[in-house]
Amino acid sequence: MGLEDLHHNFLTGKLEDVVQWARARSVWGATFGLACCAIEMMGTGAANFDLARFGMEIFRASPRQADLMIVAGRVSQKMAPVLRQVYDQMVEPKWVISMGVCASTGGMFNNYAIVQGVDQVVPVDVYAPGCPPGPETLIHAIVTLHTKIQTGEILQRRAETGRGAAVSVEAPPRLAPAGAPSVRLVTPSGAR
């Protein structure tokens, strides 16, 4: 048996692969909840969904201890400079998830006071759709981000263009808790 017969493992792996694997599994989020999406983000960290599975059980209040910003909710024009300041204080490499339609595009608030997409302020790596997106959608966005971090695609794109990965994820179907009654839509008689 020669060296060519050895499978790729921790002894034969590249140091870069090991670093990206560790980086993907040690993402700490900064709290930046701005509206109703923040409630869903808090619910994601609770026991029912358990972000500890992904090494993310602690949301950091200090940007210097975080490398992931989850922008949850609408961003006003007055909040945009604060958002950028928090982003600039985060350690490199840093990532951003835009959670909800308001953070991604301004949502239903198409006016002068709301930023029409947080990507105008900070580079966004993953967009989580929904109004508000459920914990399942946020977890899917986090897993997508972990995959992009481990492949190194985000860092390569950011070095080339200065922008984030801008990956959009599809919202998974909402799961009803075990034992929950089924919901049936009732319409008035004669309504179609």
C-alpha atoms as a PDB file:
ATOM      1  CA  MET A   1       0.000   0.000   0.000  1.00  0.00           C
ATOM      2  CA  GLY A   2       1.527   3.289  -1.127  1.00  0.00           C
ATOM      3  CA  LEU A   3       0.700   6.877  -0.267  1.00  0.00           C
ATOM      4  CA  GLU A   4      -1.603   7.132  -3.284  1.00  0.00           C
ATOM      5  CA  ASP A   5      -3.911   4.560  -1.668  1.00  0.00           C
ATOM      6  CA  LEU A   6      -4.476   6.707   1.448  1.00  0.00           C
ATOM      7  CA  HIS A   7      -7.842   8.407   1.584  1.00  0.00           C
ATOM      8  CA  HIS A   8      -8.160  12.113   2.301  1.00  0.00           C
ATOM      9  CA  ASN A   9      -8.248  12.489   6.081  1.00  0.00           C
ATOM     10  CA  PHE A  10      -6.908  14.766   8.802  1.00  0.00           C
ATOM     11  CA  LEU A  11      -3.360  13.529   8.236  1.00  0.00           C
ATOM     12  CA  THR A  12      -3.372  14.036   4.494  1.00  0.00           C
ATOM     13  CA  GLY A  13      -5.578  17.127   4.389  1.00  0.00           C
ATOM     14  CA  LYS A  14      -4.375  20.607   3.562  1.00  0.00           C
ATOM     15  CA  LEU A  15      -4.073  23.109   6.390  1.00  0.00           C
ATOM     16  CA  GLU A  16      -6.367  25.451   4.442  1.00  0.00           C
ATOM     17  CA  ASP A  17      -9.119  22.796   4.421  1.00  0.00           C
ATOM     18  CA  VAL A  18      -8.784  22.313   8.173  1.00  0.00           C
ATOM     19  CA  VAL A  19      -8.952  26.067   8.808  1.00  0.00           C
ATOM     20  CA  GLN A  20     -12.055  26.456   6.600  1.00  0.00           C
ATOM     21  CA  TRP A  21     -13.716  23.488   8.310  1.00  0.00           C
ATOM     22  CA  ALA A  22     -13.052  25.016  11.745  1.00  0.00           C
ATOM     23  CA  ARG A  23     -14.100  28.492  10.571  1.00  0.00           C
ATOM     24  CA  ALA A  24     -17.423  27.166   9.238  1.00  0.00           C
ATOM     25  CA  ARG A  25     -18.208  25.469  12.548  1.00  0.00           C
ATOM     26  CA  SER A  26     -17.324  28.310  14.878  1.00  0.00           C
ATOM     27  CA  VAL A  27     -19.427  31.192  13.587  1.00  0.00           C
ATOM     28  CA  TRP A  28     -20.587  33.572  16.325  1.00  0.00           C
ATOM     29  CA  GLY A  29     -23.391  35.942  15.510  1.00  0.00           C
ATOM     30  CA  ALA A  30     -23.772  39.581  16.446  1.00  0.00           C
ATOM     31  CA  THR A  31     -27.235  40.623  17.571  1.00  0.00           C
ATOM     32  CA  PHE A  32     -28.758  43.127  15.179  1.00  0.00           C
ATOM     33  CA  GLY A  33     -32.503  42.605  15.437  1.00  0.00           C
ATOM     34  CA  LEU A  34     -34.506  45.551  14.179  1.00  0.00           C
ATOM     35  CA  ALA A  35     -38.119  44.414  13.829  1.00  0.00           C
ATOM     36  CA  CYS A  36     -40.404  41.379  13.904  1.00  0.00           C
ATOM     37  CA  CYS A  37     -37.755  39.152  12.277  1.00  0.00           C
ATOM     38  CA  ALA A  38     -35.717  39.513  15.469  1.00  0.00           C
ATOM     39  CA  ILE A  39     -38.356  37.533  17.383  1.00  0.00           C
ATOM     40  CA  GLU A  40     -37.919  34.654  14.928  1.00  0.00           C
ATOM     41  CA  MET A  41     -34.133  34.961  15.255  1.00  0.00           C
ATOM     42  CA  MET A  42     -34.454  34.711  19.063  1.00  0.00           C
ATOM     43  CA  GLY A  43     -36.735  31.711  18.655  1.00  0.00           C
ATOM     44  CA  THR A  44     -34.089  30.031  16.527  1.00  0.00           C
ATOM     45  CA  GLY A  45     -31.663  30.220  19.428  1.00  0.00           C
ATOM     46  CA  ALA A  46     -34.182  28.674  21.827  1.00  0.00           C
ATOM     47  CA  ALA A  47     -34.402  25.013  22.781  1.00  0.00           C
ATOM     48  CA  ASN A  48     -36.866  23.990  20.047  1.00  0.00           C
ATOM     49  CA  PHE A  49     -34.411  24.731  17.229  1.00  0.00           C
ATOM     50  CA  ASP A  50     -31.101  24.705  19.145  1.00  0.00           C
ATOM     51  CA  LEU A  51     -28.405  26.633  17.291  1.00  0.00           C
ATOM     52  CA  ALA A  52     -25.866  24.951  19.582  1.00  0.00           C
ATOM     53  CA  ARG A  53     -25.806  22.124  17.020  1.00  0.00           C
ATOM     54  CA  PHE A  54     -23.939  24.517  14.752  1.00  0.00           C
ATOM     55  CA  GLY A  55     -21.648  26.009  17.410  1.00  0.00           C
ATOM     56  CA  MET A  56     -23.705  29.226  17.485  1.00  0.00           C
ATOM     57  CA  GLU A  57     -25.488  29.083  20.821  1.00  0.00           C
ATOM     58  CA  ILE A  58     -24.193  32.478  21.900  1.00  0.00           C
ATOM     59  CA  PHE A  59     -25.158  35.721  20.177  1.00  0.00           C
ATOM     60  CA  ARG A  60     -22.515  38.288  20.965  1.00  0.00           C
ATOM     61  CA  ALA A  61     -23.400  41.817  22.052  1.00  0.00           C
ATOM     62  CA  SER A  62     -19.923  43.040  21.138  1.00  0.00           C
ATOM     63  CA  PRO A  63     -19.072  43.174  17.427  1.00  0.00           C
ATOM     64  CA  ARG A  64     -15.411  42.484  18.243  1.00  0.00           C
ATOM     65  CA  GLN A  65     -16.360  38.961  19.359  1.00  0.00           C
ATOM     66  CA  ALA A  66     -18.590  38.159  16.378  1.00  0.00           C
ATOM     67  CA  ASP A  67     -17.989  37.227  12.776  1.00  0.00           C
ATOM     68  CA  LEU A  68     -21.590  36.883  11.532  1.00  0.00           C
ATOM     69  CA  MET A  69     -24.141  39.688  11.428  1.00  0.00           C
ATOM     70  CA  ILE A  70     -27.746  38.631  10.991  1.00  0.00           C
ATOM     71  CA  VAL A  71     -29.667  41.743   9.928  1.00  0.00           C
ATOM     72  CA  ALA A  72     -33.204  40.866  11.006  1.00  0.00           C
ATOM     73  CA  GLY A  73     -35.790  43.430   9.968  1.00  0.00           C
ATOM     74  CA  ARG A  74     -36.105  46.759   8.225  1.00  0.00           C
ATOM     75  CA  VAL A  75     -33.158  49.168   8.279  1.00  0.00           C
ATOM     76  CA  SER A  76     -33.999  52.855   8.539  1.00  0.00           C
ATOM     77  CA  GLN A  77     -31.833  55.569   7.012  1.00  0.00           C
ATOM     78  CA  LYS A  78     -30.846  56.657  10.535  1.00  0.00           C
ATOM     79  CA  MET A  79     -29.849  53.103  11.509  1.00  0.00           C
ATOM     80  CA  ALA A  80     -27.746  52.466   8.363  1.00  0.00           C
ATOM     81  CA  PRO A  81     -24.601  54.281   9.624  1.00  0.00           C
ATOM     82  CA  VAL A  82     -24.839  52.403  12.940  1.00  0.00           C
ATOM     83  CA  LEU A  83     -25.186  49.117  11.062  1.00  0.00           C
ATOM     84  CA  ARG A  84     -22.102  49.945   9.009  1.00  0.00           C
ATOM     85  CA  GLN A  85     -20.144  50.926  12.127  1.00  0.00           C
ATOM     86  CA  VAL A  86     -20.982  47.621  13.835  1.00  0.00           C
ATOM     87  CA  TYR A  87     -20.002  45.768  10.651  1.00  0.00           C
ATOM     88  CA  ASP A  88     -16.678  47.621  10.455  1.00  0.00           C
ATOM     89  CA  GLN A  89     -15.902  46.717  14.089  1.00  0.00           C
ATOM     90  CA  MET A  90     -16.388  42.984  13.474  1.00  0.00           C
ATOM     91  CA  VAL A  91     -13.323  40.771  13.081  1.00  0.00           C
ATOM     92  CA  GLU A  92     -12.206  39.509   9.683  1.00  0.00           C
ATOM     93  CA  PRO A  93     -13.367  37.334   8.026  1.00  0.00           C
ATOM     94  CA  LYS A  94     -16.960  38.415   8.569  1.00  0.00           C
ATOM     95  CA  TRP A  95     -20.249  37.410   7.021  1.00  0.00           C
ATOM     96  CA  VAL A  96     -23.760  38.854   6.729  1.00  0.00           C
ATOM     97  CA  ILE A  97     -27.158  37.171   6.501  1.00  0.00           C
ATOM     98  CA  SER A  98     -30.056  39.376   5.433  1.00  0.00           C
ATOM     99  CA  MET A  99     -33.084  37.951   7.239  1.00  0.00           C
ATOM    100  CA  GLY A 100     -36.521  38.799   5.913  1.00  0.00           C
ATOM    101  CA  VAL A 101     -37.895  40.668   2.961  1.00  0.00           C
ATOM    102  CA  CYS A 102     -37.581  44.056   4.702  1.00  0.00           C
ATOM    103  CA  ALA A 103     -33.830  43.667   5.219  1.00  0.00           C
ATOM    104  CA  SER A 104     -33.343  42.247   1.727  1.00  0.00           C
ATOM    105  CA  THR A 105     -35.413  44.690  -0.364  1.00  0.00           C
ATOM    106  CA  GLY A 106     -37.141  47.153   1.946  1.00  0.00           C
ATOM    107  CA  GLY A 107     -40.293  45.023   1.890  1.00  0.00           C
ATOM    108  CA  MET A 108     -43.598  46.846   1.878  1.00  0.00           C
ATOM    109  CA  PHE A 109     -41.913  49.994   3.189  1.00  0.00           C
ATOM    110  CA  ASN A 110     -41.077  51.702  -0.108  1.00  0.00           C
ATOM    111  CA  ASN A 111     -40.472  55.179   1.265  1.00  0.00           C
ATOM    112  CA  TYR A 112     -37.706  57.653   2.009  1.00  0.00           C
ATOM    113  CA  ALA A 113     -37.092  56.438   5.574  1.00  0.00           C
ATOM    114  CA  ILE A 114     -36.247  52.765   4.900  1.00  0.00           C
ATOM    115  CA  VAL A 115     -33.123  51.464   3.152  1.00  0.00           C
ATOM    116  CA  GLN A 116     -34.248  49.437   0.127  1.00  0.00           C
ATOM    117  CA  GLY A 117     -31.963  46.513   0.785  1.00  0.00           C
ATOM    118  CA  VAL A 118     -29.240  46.158   3.378  1.00  0.00           C
ATOM    119  CA  ASP A 119     -26.804  45.279   0.590  1.00  0.00           C
ATOM    120  CA  GLN A 120     -26.568  49.025  -0.033  1.00  0.00           C
ATOM    121  CA  VAL A 121     -24.889  49.338   3.384  1.00  0.00           C
ATOM    122  CA  VAL A 122     -22.929  46.084   3.908  1.00  0.00           C
ATOM    123  CA  PRO A 123     -22.041  43.171   1.574  1.00  0.00           C
ATOM    124  CA  VAL A 124     -24.620  40.398   2.041  1.00  0.00           C
ATOM    125  CA  ASP A 125     -23.605  36.753   1.743  1.00  0.00           C
ATOM    126  CA  VAL A 126     -26.939  34.926   2.184  1.00  0.00           C
ATOM    127  CA  TYR A 127     -30.513  36.201   1.835  1.00  0.00           C
ATOM    128  CA  ALA A 128     -33.200  34.464   3.945  1.00  0.00           C
ATOM    129  CA  PRO A 129     -36.663  35.156   2.439  1.00  0.00           C
ATOM    130  CA  GLY A 130     -39.958  35.495   4.249  1.00  0.00           C
ATOM    131  CA  CYS A 131     -42.079  37.913   6.216  1.00  0.00           C
ATOM    132  CA  PRO A 132     -40.986  37.038   8.829  1.00  0.00           C
ATOM    133  CA  PRO A 133     -38.863  34.029   7.922  1.00  0.00           C
ATOM    134  CA  GLY A 134     -39.282  31.182  10.350  1.00  0.00           C
ATOM    135  CA  PRO A 135     -36.512  29.551  12.346  1.00  0.00           C
ATOM    136  CA  GLU A 136     -36.284  26.785   9.724  1.00  0.00           C
ATOM    137  CA  THR A 137     -35.453  29.371   7.047  1.00  0.00           C
ATOM    138  CA  LEU A 138     -32.785  31.008   9.192  1.00  0.00           C
ATOM    139  CA  ILE A 139     -31.218  27.627   9.979  1.00  0.00           C
ATOM    140  CA  HIS A 140     -31.232  26.827   6.249  1.00  0.00           C
ATOM    141  CA  ALA A 141     -29.489  30.146   5.563  1.00  0.00           C
ATOM    142  CA  ILE A 142     -26.907  29.405   8.258  1.00  0.00           C
ATOM    143  CA  VAL A 143     -26.220  25.939   6.835  1.00  0.00           C
ATOM    144  CA  THR A 144     -25.878  27.481   3.362  1.00  0.00           C
ATOM    145  CA  LEU A 145     -23.422  30.013   4.778  1.00  0.00           C
ATOM    146  CA  HIS A 146     -21.440  27.215   6.464  1.00  0.00           C
ATOM    147  CA  THR A 147     -21.169  25.416   3.126  1.00  0.00           C
ATOM    148  CA  LYS A 148     -19.968  28.577   1.370  1.00  0.00           C
ATOM    149  CA  ILE A 149     -17.428  29.260   4.128  1.00  0.00           C
ATOM    150  CA  GLN A 150     -16.046  25.726   3.984  1.00  0.00           C
ATOM    151  CA  THR A 151     -15.600  25.801   0.198  1.00  0.00           C
ATOM    152  CA  GLY A 152     -13.884  29.183   0.429  1.00  0.00           C
ATOM    153  CA  GLU A 153     -16.181  30.622  -2.244  1.00  0.00           C
ATOM    154  CA  ILE A 154     -17.168  33.668  -0.200  1.00  0.00           C
ATOM    155  CA  LEU A 155     -13.617  34.765   0.544  1.00  0.00           C
ATOM    156  CA  GLN A 156     -12.605  34.326  -3.118  1.00  0.00           C
ATOM    157  CA  ARG A 157     -15.570  36.374  -4.368  1.00  0.00           C
ATOM    158  CA  ARG A 158     -15.028  39.088  -1.774  1.00  0.00           C
ATOM    159  CA  ALA A 159     -11.336  39.350  -2.732  1.00  0.00           C
ATOM    160  CA  GLU A 160     -12.283  39.680  -6.425  1.00  0.00           C
ATOM    161  CA  THR A 161     -15.318  41.972  -6.246  1.00  0.00           C
ATOM    162  CA  GLY A 162     -15.518  43.369  -2.716  1.00  0.00           C
ATOM    163  CA  ARG A 163     -19.105  42.051  -2.484  1.00  0.00           C
ATOM    164  CA  GLY A 164     -20.663  39.173  -0.570  1.00  0.00           C
ATOM    165  CA  ALA A 165     -21.769  35.895  -2.090  1.00  0.00           C
ATOM    166  CA  ALA A 166     -25.381  37.114  -2.507  1.00  0.00           C
ATOM    167  CA  VAL A 167     -26.879  33.622  -2.270  1.00  0.00           C
ATOM    168  CA  SER A 168     -30.669  33.419  -2.004  1.00  0.00           C
ATOM    169  CA  VAL A 169     -32.143  30.428  -0.208  1.00  0.00           C
ATOM    170  CA  GLU A 170     -35.632  29.075  -0.646  1.00  0.00           C
ATOM    171  CA  ALA A 171     -37.793  28.950   2.442  1.00  0.00           C
ATOM    172  CA  PRO A 172     -38.428  25.375   3.586  1.00  0.00           C
ATOM    173  CA  PRO A 173     -42.020  24.482   4.474  1.00  0.00           C
ATOM    174  CA  ARG A 174     -43.021  25.462   8.011  1.00  0.00           C
ATOM    175  CA  LEU A 175     -43.114  22.468  10.300  1.00  0.00           C
ATOM    176  CA  ALA A 176     -45.921  22.130  12.798  1.00  0.00           C
ATOM    177  CA  PRO A 177     -44.835  21.060  16.306  1.00  0.00           C
ATOM    178  CA  ALA A 178     -45.588  17.467  17.207  1.00  0.00           C
ATOM    179  CA  GLY A 179     -49.133  17.063  18.457  1.00  0.00           C
ATOM    180  CA  ALA A 180     -50.326  20.390  17.045  1.00  0.00           C
ATOM    181  CA  PRO A 181     -53.845  20.339  15.627  1.00  0.00           C
ATOM    182  CA  SER A 182     -54.121  20.601  11.870  1.00  0.00           C
ATOM    183  CA  VAL A 183     -55.374  23.917  10.538  1.00  0.00           C
ATOM    184  CA  ARG A 184     -58.190  24.030   8.006  1.00  0.00           C
ATOM    185  CA  LEU A 185     -59.195  27.092   6.012  1.00  0.00           C
ATOM    186  CA  VAL A 186     -62.863  27.834   6.524  1.00  0.00           C
ATOM    187  CA  THR A 187     -64.602  30.090   4.002  1.00  0.00           C
ATOM    188  CA  PRO A 188     -68.125  31.470   4.170  1.00  0.00           C
ATOM    189  CA  SER A 189     -70.633  29.379   2.248  1.00  0.00           C
ATOM    190  CA  GLY A 190     -70.870  30.431  -1.363  1.00  0.00           C
ATOM    191  CA  ALA A 191     -67.413  32.080  -1.377  1.00  0.00           C
ATOM    192  CA  ARG A 192     -64.967  30.782  -3.929  1.00  0.00           C
END
